[in-house]
């Protein structure tokens, strides 16, 4: 069973940068798309970005495009996915979830991702 564990959240000021990491375990030999969603209080979970198994293709929401970057790194049979967030804004405040799904298509709906991490809080405030 594949598991995802996020880390790196915290409290930052507007304009700061922050990097989230997602460590995976229990991978099989099936290609996975991995990505990030976020959920602010009182809102539904929203797509942030996703990356293919090979790392060759990425997709971002319009609200983070140009500020956030997803990368993935492989070592042995484990993968780490990072989310580099620059020029953070108060509206980026949310719980950020690492997600994964089998296959190669970069879906943007939360319903298409069957594996979720526990989430990590990011707060942007002065």
Foldseek 3Di string as FASTA:
>chain_A
DKAKAKDWADEAAAQAKTKMKIKMDDDDPFWKKKAKWWDDPPGDIWGAKIATSVRPDMDGDPVQPPFWDWDWDDDDHIMMIMIIGGRDDQVVWTWMKMFMDTDGDTDGDPVRTDYIHPTDTHGYHD
